[in-house]
């Protein structure tokens, strides 16, 4: 299990903004610090990915690109254990809108990820 850092999350966010446009900038580094603390204390990969998706997607620590950053950070966490989300883009958009608007909580996110996580072939 690789530890996630605030710097890595910011790096992912900067890449999201560069590739998909938007406004760069951090609104709350404290939110990121607390997220990293929680992530690195948890050993269950899907729970870790769900925590990242929930915290970034609903607490909006960045000016722009929170949903995209949340998804990519989560995918990176899953990828450490050779997992990926098998779900269509339209369903991801709908799901992320639910997260960002506080309609989808952490436990629901974890359940959704369990239902959509697949193991990468060797």
N, C-alpha and C. Protein backbone atom coordinates (compact mmCIF):
# COMPACT_ATOMS: atom_id res chain seq x y z
N UNK A 1 0.85 -1.18 0.00
CA UNK A 1 0.00 0.00 0.00
C UNK A 1 0.89 1.24 0.00
N UNK A 2 0.76 2.02 -1.04
CA UNK A 2 1.51 3.26 -1.17
C UNK A 2 0.77 4.37 -0.43
N UNK A 3 1.51 5.15 0.34
CA UNK A 3 0.89 6.27 1.04
C UNK A 3 0.58 7.40 0.06
N UNK A 4 -0.56 7.99 0.25
CA UNK A 4 -0.98 9.14 -0.55
C UNK A 4 -0.50 10.39 0.18
N UNK A 5 -0.07 11.39 -0.57
CA UNK A 5 0.36 12.65 0.02
C UNK A 5 -0.49 13.79 -0.52
N UNK A 6 -0.49 14.89 0.20
CA UNK A 6 -1.17 16.09 -0.27
C UNK A 6 -0.55 16.53 -1.58
N UNK A 7 0.77 16.44 -1.66
CA UNK A 7 1.47 16.85 -2.88
C UNK A 7 1.01 16.03 -4.08
N UNK A 8 0.82 14.73 -3.90
CA UNK A 8 0.37 13.87 -5.00
C UNK A 8 -1.04 14.25 -5.43
N UNK A 9 -1.92 14.52 -4.49
CA UNK A 9 -3.29 14.93 -4.83
C UNK A 9 -3.27 16.25 -5.60
N UNK A 10 -2.45 17.19 -5.17
CA UNK A 10 -2.34 18.49 -5.86
C UNK A 10 -1.76 18.28 -7.26
N UNK A 11 -0.78 17.40 -7.39
CA UNK A 11 -0.21 17.08 -8.70
C UNK A 11 -1.28 16.52 -9.65
N UNK A 12 -2.10 15.61 -9.14
CA UNK A 12 -3.20 15.07 -9.95
C UNK A 12 -4.16 16.18 -10.34
N UNK A 13 -4.50 17.04 -9.39
CA UNK A 13 -5.41 18.15 -9.68
C UNK A 13 -4.83 19.07 -10.74
N UNK A 14 -3.57 19.40 -10.62
CA UNK A 14 -2.94 20.28 -11.61
C UNK A 14 -2.98 19.66 -13.01
N UNK A 15 -2.79 18.36 -13.08
CA UNK A 15 -2.86 17.67 -14.37
C UNK A 15 -4.30 17.68 -14.92
N UNK A 16 -5.27 17.50 -14.03
CA UNK A 16 -6.68 17.57 -14.45
C UNK A 16 -6.98 18.94 -15.05
N UNK A 17 -6.57 19.99 -14.39
CA UNK A 17 -6.81 21.35 -14.88
C UNK A 17 -6.09 21.58 -16.19
N UNK A 18 -4.87 21.11 -16.31
CA UNK A 18 -4.10 21.26 -17.54
C UNK A 18 -4.78 20.54 -18.71
N UNK A 19 -5.25 19.32 -18.48
CA UNK A 19 -5.82 18.50 -19.55
C UNK A 19 -7.27 18.83 -19.88
N UNK A 20 -8.05 19.26 -18.89
CA UNK A 20 -9.48 19.46 -19.11
C UNK A 20 -9.91 20.91 -18.93
N UNK A 21 -8.97 21.76 -18.65
CA UNK A 21 -9.21 23.19 -18.42
C UNK A 21 -9.94 23.42 -17.10
N UNK A 22 -10.05 24.65 -16.73
CA UNK A 22 -10.65 25.02 -15.46
C UNK A 22 -9.74 25.98 -14.74
N UNK A 23 -10.11 26.32 -13.54
CA UNK A 23 -9.36 27.27 -12.73
C UNK A 23 -8.53 26.52 -11.70
N UNK A 24 -7.24 26.75 -11.71
CA UNK A 24 -6.35 26.11 -10.76
C UNK A 24 -6.42 26.84 -9.42
N UNK A 25 -6.16 26.12 -8.35
CA UNK A 25 -6.10 26.74 -7.04
C UNK A 25 -6.72 25.88 -5.96
N UNK A 26 -6.21 26.06 -4.76
CA UNK A 26 -6.66 25.30 -3.60
C UNK A 26 -7.50 26.20 -2.71
N UNK A 27 -8.66 25.71 -2.33
CA UNK A 27 -9.51 26.44 -1.39
C UNK A 27 -9.22 26.05 0.05
N UNK A 28 -8.89 24.75 0.27
CA UNK A 28 -8.69 24.29 1.63
C UNK A 28 -7.64 23.18 1.69
N UNK A 29 -6.41 23.58 1.98
CA UNK A 29 -5.37 22.58 2.15
C UNK A 29 -5.61 21.76 3.41
N UNK A 30 -6.31 22.32 4.39
CA UNK A 30 -6.64 21.58 5.61
C UNK A 30 -7.52 20.38 5.29
N UNK A 31 -8.44 20.54 4.35
CA UNK A 31 -9.28 19.41 3.93
C UNK A 31 -8.41 18.30 3.34
N UNK A 32 -7.43 18.68 2.54
CA UNK A 32 -6.51 17.70 1.96
C UNK A 32 -5.65 17.04 3.04
N UNK A 33 -5.17 17.82 3.99
CA UNK A 33 -4.36 17.27 5.09
C UNK A 33 -5.16 16.22 5.87
N UNK A 34 -6.41 16.54 6.18
CA UNK A 34 -7.24 15.61 6.94
C UNK A 34 -7.55 14.37 6.12
N UNK A 35 -7.81 14.55 4.84
CA UNK A 35 -8.06 13.40 3.97
C UNK A 35 -6.85 12.47 3.94
N UNK A 36 -5.67 13.01 3.76
CA UNK A 36 -4.46 12.19 3.72
C UNK A 36 -4.25 11.46 5.03
N UNK A 37 -4.50 12.12 6.14
CA UNK A 37 -4.42 11.47 7.46
C UNK A 37 -5.35 10.26 7.50
N UNK A 38 -6.61 10.46 7.07
CA UNK A 38 -7.60 9.37 7.09
C UNK A 38 -7.22 8.25 6.12
N UNK A 39 -6.77 8.61 4.93
CA UNK A 39 -6.40 7.61 3.93
C UNK A 39 -5.28 6.71 4.42
N UNK A 40 -4.26 7.31 4.98
CA UNK A 40 -3.07 6.56 5.34
C UNK A 40 -3.23 5.76 6.63
N UNK A 41 -4.34 5.94 7.32
CA UNK A 41 -4.65 5.13 8.50
C UNK A 41 -5.54 3.93 8.15
N UNK A 42 -6.07 3.92 6.94
CA UNK A 42 -6.99 2.87 6.54
C UNK A 42 -6.29 1.88 5.62
N UNK A 43 -6.47 0.60 5.86
CA UNK A 43 -5.79 -0.44 5.08
C UNK A 43 -6.66 -1.01 3.96
N UNK A 44 -7.97 -0.82 4.02
CA UNK A 44 -8.88 -1.41 3.02
C UNK A 44 -8.93 -0.52 1.78
N UNK A 45 -8.50 -1.09 0.66
CA UNK A 45 -8.31 -0.30 -0.56
C UNK A 45 -9.60 0.34 -1.05
N UNK A 46 -10.70 -0.37 -1.06
CA UNK A 46 -11.94 0.22 -1.56
C UNK A 46 -12.43 1.31 -0.62
N UNK A 47 -12.27 1.13 0.67
CA UNK A 47 -12.64 2.18 1.62
C UNK A 47 -11.78 3.41 1.41
N UNK A 48 -10.48 3.20 1.17
CA UNK A 48 -9.57 4.32 0.93
C UNK A 48 -9.99 5.10 -0.32
N UNK A 49 -10.31 4.36 -1.38
CA UNK A 49 -10.74 5.00 -2.63
C UNK A 49 -12.05 5.75 -2.42
N UNK A 50 -12.96 5.17 -1.64
CA UNK A 50 -14.24 5.81 -1.35
C UNK A 50 -14.02 7.08 -0.52
N UNK A 51 -13.12 7.03 0.45
CA UNK A 51 -12.80 8.21 1.27
C UNK A 51 -12.31 9.35 0.39
N UNK A 52 -11.40 9.04 -0.53
CA UNK A 52 -10.85 10.07 -1.41
C UNK A 52 -11.94 10.66 -2.30
N UNK A 53 -12.75 9.79 -2.89
CA UNK A 53 -13.81 10.25 -3.77
C UNK A 53 -14.79 11.14 -3.01
N UNK A 54 -15.16 10.72 -1.81
CA UNK A 54 -16.12 11.48 -1.00
C UNK A 54 -15.54 12.82 -0.56
N UNK A 55 -14.35 12.80 -0.01
CA UNK A 55 -13.77 14.03 0.55
C UNK A 55 -13.52 15.08 -0.53
N UNK A 56 -12.90 14.67 -1.62
CA UNK A 56 -12.59 15.64 -2.68
C UNK A 56 -13.86 16.02 -3.44
N UNK A 57 -14.70 15.03 -3.71
CA UNK A 57 -15.89 15.27 -4.52
C UNK A 57 -16.98 16.07 -3.81
N UNK A 58 -17.05 15.97 -2.49
CA UNK A 58 -18.13 16.68 -1.79
C UNK A 58 -17.64 17.86 -0.94
N UNK A 59 -16.38 17.85 -0.53
CA UNK A 59 -15.89 18.93 0.31
C UNK A 59 -15.17 20.02 -0.49
N UNK A 60 -14.99 19.77 -1.77
CA UNK A 60 -14.47 20.77 -2.72
C UNK A 60 -13.25 21.54 -2.22
N UNK A 61 -12.11 20.86 -2.02
CA UNK A 61 -10.92 21.56 -1.56
C UNK A 61 -10.26 22.42 -2.64
N UNK A 62 -10.66 22.23 -3.92
CA UNK A 62 -10.08 23.00 -5.02
C UNK A 62 -11.10 23.99 -5.58
N UNK A 63 -10.62 25.00 -6.26
CA UNK A 63 -11.50 25.98 -6.89
C UNK A 63 -12.33 25.32 -7.98
N UNK A 64 -11.71 24.44 -8.76
CA UNK A 64 -12.37 23.80 -9.89
C UNK A 64 -11.79 22.39 -10.03
N UNK A 65 -12.51 21.51 -10.70
CA UNK A 65 -12.00 20.18 -11.00
C UNK A 65 -12.09 19.18 -9.87
N UNK A 66 -12.92 19.44 -8.88
CA UNK A 66 -13.01 18.55 -7.72
C UNK A 66 -13.52 17.16 -8.09
N UNK A 67 -14.57 17.07 -8.88
CA UNK A 67 -15.13 15.75 -9.23
C UNK A 67 -14.14 14.94 -10.05
N UNK A 68 -13.53 15.58 -11.03
CA UNK A 68 -12.54 14.88 -11.86
C UNK A 68 -11.34 14.45 -11.03
N UNK A 69 -10.86 15.33 -10.17
CA UNK A 69 -9.72 14.99 -9.31
C UNK A 69 -10.09 13.85 -8.36
N UNK A 70 -11.28 13.92 -7.78
CA UNK A 70 -11.73 12.86 -6.86
C UNK A 70 -11.72 11.50 -7.54
N UNK A 71 -12.24 11.46 -8.75
CA UNK A 71 -12.31 10.21 -9.48
C UNK A 71 -10.91 9.68 -9.81
N UNK A 72 -10.03 10.53 -10.26
CA UNK A 72 -8.68 10.08 -10.63
C UNK A 72 -7.88 9.65 -9.41
N UNK A 73 -7.97 10.38 -8.31
CA UNK A 73 -7.29 9.96 -7.08
C UNK A 73 -7.81 8.60 -6.64
N UNK A 74 -9.12 8.41 -6.69
CA UNK A 74 -9.72 7.12 -6.32
C UNK A 74 -9.23 6.00 -7.23
N UNK A 75 -9.19 6.27 -8.53
CA UNK A 75 -8.71 5.27 -9.47
C UNK A 75 -7.24 4.93 -9.22
N UNK A 76 -6.45 5.92 -8.83
CA UNK A 76 -5.04 5.66 -8.49
C UNK A 76 -4.93 4.74 -7.27
N UNK A 77 -5.77 4.98 -6.29
CA UNK A 77 -5.75 4.13 -5.08
C UNK A 77 -6.15 2.72 -5.45
N UNK A 78 -7.21 2.56 -6.22
CA UNK A 78 -7.63 1.22 -6.65
C UNK A 78 -6.55 0.55 -7.48
N UNK A 79 -5.92 1.31 -8.34
CA UNK A 79 -4.87 0.77 -9.21
C UNK A 79 -3.69 0.20 -8.45
N UNK A 80 -3.43 0.70 -7.25
CA UNK A 80 -2.33 0.16 -6.43
C UNK A 80 -2.56 -1.31 -6.11
N UNK A 81 -3.82 -1.72 -6.09
CA UNK A 81 -4.17 -3.11 -5.81
C UNK A 81 -4.67 -3.81 -7.08
N UNK A 82 -4.33 -3.23 -8.25
CA UNK A 82 -4.69 -3.79 -9.55
C UNK A 82 -6.21 -3.88 -9.75
N UNK A 83 -6.91 -2.89 -9.23
CA UNK A 83 -8.36 -2.80 -9.41
C UNK A 83 -8.66 -1.58 -10.28
N UNK A 84 -9.80 -1.63 -10.95
CA UNK A 84 -10.28 -0.49 -11.72
C UNK A 84 -11.80 -0.50 -11.69
N UNK A 85 -12.39 0.65 -12.00
CA UNK A 85 -13.85 0.76 -12.02
C UNK A 85 -14.36 0.43 -13.41
N UNK A 86 -15.24 -0.54 -13.49
CA UNK A 86 -15.85 -0.95 -14.76
C UNK A 86 -17.25 -0.37 -14.79
N UNK A 87 -17.36 0.82 -15.37
CA UNK A 87 -18.64 1.51 -15.42
C UNK A 87 -18.58 2.54 -16.55
N UNK A 88 -19.68 2.75 -17.23
CA UNK A 88 -19.73 3.70 -18.34
C UNK A 88 -19.59 5.14 -17.89
N UNK A 89 -19.10 5.97 -18.81
CA UNK A 89 -18.90 7.39 -18.51
C UNK A 89 -20.19 8.08 -18.06
N UNK A 90 -21.31 7.75 -18.69
CA UNK A 90 -22.56 8.41 -18.33
C UNK A 90 -22.96 8.09 -16.89
N UNK A 91 -22.71 6.87 -16.46
CA UNK A 91 -23.03 6.48 -15.08
C UNK A 91 -22.07 7.14 -14.09
N UNK A 92 -20.82 7.30 -14.48
CA UNK A 92 -19.85 7.97 -13.61
C UNK A 92 -20.26 9.43 -13.41
N UNK A 93 -20.64 10.10 -14.49
CA UNK A 93 -21.05 11.50 -14.39
C UNK A 93 -22.23 11.64 -13.45
N UNK A 94 -23.23 10.80 -13.63
CA UNK A 94 -24.42 10.84 -12.76
C UNK A 94 -24.04 10.58 -11.30
N UNK A 95 -23.18 9.58 -11.09
CA UNK A 95 -22.77 9.24 -9.73
C UNK A 95 -22.00 10.39 -9.09
N UNK A 96 -21.06 10.99 -9.84
CA UNK A 96 -20.25 12.08 -9.29
C UNK A 96 -21.10 13.31 -8.99
N UNK A 97 -22.11 13.55 -9.77
CA UNK A 97 -23.01 14.67 -9.46
C UNK A 97 -23.74 14.42 -8.14
N UNK A 98 -24.09 13.17 -7.88
CA UNK A 98 -24.70 12.81 -6.60
C UNK A 98 -23.77 13.03 -5.43
N UNK A 99 -22.49 12.70 -5.62
CA UNK A 99 -21.49 12.90 -4.58
C UNK A 99 -21.32 14.40 -4.31
N UNK A 100 -21.13 15.16 -5.38
CA UNK A 100 -20.85 16.59 -5.24
C UNK A 100 -22.01 17.36 -4.63
N UNK A 101 -23.24 16.85 -4.81
CA UNK A 101 -24.41 17.55 -4.28
C UNK A 101 -24.89 16.95 -2.95
N UNK A 102 -24.04 16.15 -2.32
CA UNK A 102 -24.29 15.59 -0.98
C UNK A 102 -25.43 14.58 -0.95
N UNK A 103 -25.83 14.05 -2.10
CA UNK A 103 -26.89 13.03 -2.12
C UNK A 103 -26.32 11.62 -1.92
N UNK A 104 -25.01 11.47 -2.08
CA UNK A 104 -24.38 10.16 -1.99
C UNK A 104 -23.30 10.21 -0.91
N UNK A 105 -23.50 9.44 0.15
CA UNK A 105 -22.58 9.45 1.27
C UNK A 105 -21.45 8.44 1.13
N UNK A 106 -20.56 8.44 2.09
CA UNK A 106 -19.37 7.60 2.06
C UNK A 106 -19.70 6.12 1.96
N UNK A 107 -20.63 5.64 2.76
CA UNK A 107 -20.96 4.21 2.72
C UNK A 107 -21.56 3.81 1.38
N UNK A 108 -22.37 4.69 0.80
CA UNK A 108 -22.94 4.41 -0.53
C UNK A 108 -21.84 4.38 -1.59
N UNK A 109 -20.87 5.28 -1.46
CA UNK A 109 -19.75 5.31 -2.41
C UNK A 109 -18.97 4.00 -2.32
N UNK A 110 -18.69 3.56 -1.10
CA UNK A 110 -17.94 2.31 -0.93
C UNK A 110 -18.70 1.13 -1.53
N UNK A 111 -19.99 1.08 -1.31
CA UNK A 111 -20.81 0.00 -1.87
C UNK A 111 -20.78 0.05 -3.39
N UNK A 112 -20.94 1.24 -3.96
CA UNK A 112 -20.91 1.41 -5.41
C UNK A 112 -19.58 0.94 -5.98
N UNK A 113 -18.49 1.31 -5.29
CA UNK A 113 -17.17 0.90 -5.77
C UNK A 113 -17.00 -0.62 -5.70
N UNK A 114 -17.48 -1.22 -4.64
CA UNK A 114 -17.40 -2.69 -4.54
C UNK A 114 -18.15 -3.34 -5.69
N UNK A 115 -19.29 -2.77 -6.07
CA UNK A 115 -20.10 -3.33 -7.15
C UNK A 115 -19.49 -3.11 -8.53
N UNK A 116 -18.60 -2.13 -8.66
CA UNK A 116 -18.05 -1.80 -9.98
C UNK A 116 -16.55 -2.05 -10.10
N UNK A 117 -15.89 -2.48 -9.03
CA UNK A 117 -14.44 -2.72 -9.08
C UNK A 117 -14.16 -4.09 -9.71
N UNK A 118 -13.23 -4.08 -10.64
CA UNK A 118 -12.79 -5.31 -11.31
C UNK A 118 -11.29 -5.42 -11.13
N UNK A 119 -10.80 -6.66 -11.14
CA UNK A 119 -9.36 -6.89 -11.03
C UNK A 119 -8.74 -6.86 -12.43
N UNK A 120 -7.62 -6.15 -12.55
CA UNK A 120 -6.89 -6.11 -13.82
C UNK A 120 -6.29 -7.48 -14.11
N UNK A 121 -6.30 -7.85 -15.37
CA UNK A 121 -5.69 -9.12 -15.74
C UNK A 121 -4.19 -8.98 -15.70
N UNK A 122 -3.53 -10.07 -15.38
CA UNK A 122 -2.05 -10.08 -15.29
C UNK A 122 -1.42 -9.91 -16.63
